[in-house]
Amino acid sequence: MTHEHTCQRATKLSGYVLTRDALVRIENQQRSAYDYEVLALSLALGVDVRFLLGLTDDPGSMSLGTTPEKA
C-alpha cells in the first residue's frame, strides 16, 4: 500500500486528514504519532490499534464500534 493510499484510507475511515508528509515523518521517527493518528492508521491498515502500539503480536482487526474480546 502506498503512502498516498494509506493516507486516503485513514482520512476516509477516521475523518482525520493524515498527510503524506506526516506519515513519512512518523515512519522515519522524525516525530511522534498522536493518539488520533494511531487510531486512523489502525483503521487504514485494518489492524488492532494495540498491535501498532506494540501491546500485542496479533494484528487482529478492529473497526470503530468494536471492542476487544474479554479473556
Protein backbone atom coordinates (compact mmCIF):
# COMPACT_ATOMS: atom_id res chain seq x y z
CA MET A 1 0.00 0.00 0.00
CA THR A 2 1.43 3.39 -0.95
CA HIS A 3 1.72 6.34 1.41
CA GLU A 4 -0.94 8.16 -0.57
CA HIS A 5 -3.35 5.24 -0.40
CA THR A 6 -2.76 4.79 3.33
CA CYS A 7 -3.44 8.49 3.96
CA GLN A 8 -6.60 8.42 1.84
CA ARG A 9 -7.92 5.36 3.72
CA ALA A 10 -7.04 6.91 7.09
CA THR A 11 -8.93 10.07 6.16
CA LYS A 12 -11.94 8.19 4.78
CA LEU A 13 -12.26 5.80 7.71
CA SER A 14 -11.41 8.11 10.61
CA GLY A 15 -12.29 11.59 9.39
CA TYR A 16 -8.81 12.81 10.36
CA VAL A 17 -6.75 14.18 7.47
CA LEU A 18 -3.39 12.42 7.64
CA THR A 19 -0.92 13.94 5.20
CA ARG A 20 1.76 12.02 3.34
CA ASP A 21 4.41 14.26 4.91
CA ALA A 22 3.15 13.47 8.42
CA LEU A 23 3.10 9.74 7.68
CA VAL A 24 6.64 9.77 6.29
CA ARG A 25 7.93 11.74 9.28
CA ILE A 26 6.27 9.27 11.68
CA GLU A 27 7.72 6.28 9.80
CA ASN A 28 11.20 7.84 9.80
CA GLN A 29 10.91 8.55 13.53
CA GLN A 30 11.28 12.29 12.92
CA ARG A 31 8.16 12.91 15.01
CA SER A 32 5.80 11.05 17.28
CA ALA A 33 2.31 9.99 16.28
CA TYR A 34 -0.66 11.48 18.11
CA ASP A 35 -3.27 9.15 19.55
CA TYR A 36 -5.83 10.02 16.86
CA GLU A 37 -3.21 9.33 14.16
CA VAL A 38 -2.54 5.87 15.60
CA LEU A 39 -6.27 5.16 15.52
CA ALA A 40 -6.53 6.49 11.93
CA LEU A 41 -3.61 4.31 10.85
CA SER A 42 -5.02 1.20 12.53
CA LEU A 43 -8.29 1.70 10.65
CA ALA A 44 -6.49 2.35 7.35
CA LEU A 45 -4.29 -0.72 7.75
CA GLY A 46 -7.05 -2.92 9.17
CA VAL A 47 -5.13 -3.85 12.31
CA ASP A 48 -5.83 -3.60 16.01
CA VAL A 49 -4.50 -0.34 17.46
CA ARG A 50 -2.82 -2.38 20.20
CA PHE A 51 -0.70 -4.05 17.50
CA LEU A 52 0.61 -0.66 16.35
CA LEU A 53 1.39 0.24 19.95
CA GLY A 54 3.36 -2.97 20.44
CA LEU A 55 0.97 -4.29 23.09
CA THR A 56 0.15 -7.48 21.17
CA ASP A 57 1.76 -9.61 18.48
CA ASP A 58 -1.64 -10.34 16.94
CA PRO A 59 -2.52 -7.71 14.33
CA GLY A 60 -6.17 -8.76 14.59
CA SER A 61 -8.73 -6.47 13.10
CA MET A 62 -10.82 -3.88 14.84
CA SER A 63 -13.07 -1.22 13.46
CA LEU A 64 -14.90 1.65 15.09
CA GLY A 65 -17.62 0.40 17.36
CA THR A 66 -16.00 -2.94 18.16
CA THR A 67 -14.43 -3.88 21.44
CA PRO A 68 -11.73 -6.40 22.22
CA GLU A 69 -12.89 -9.79 23.41
CA LYS A 70 -12.63 -10.36 27.14
CA ALA A 71 -10.24 -13.10 28.23
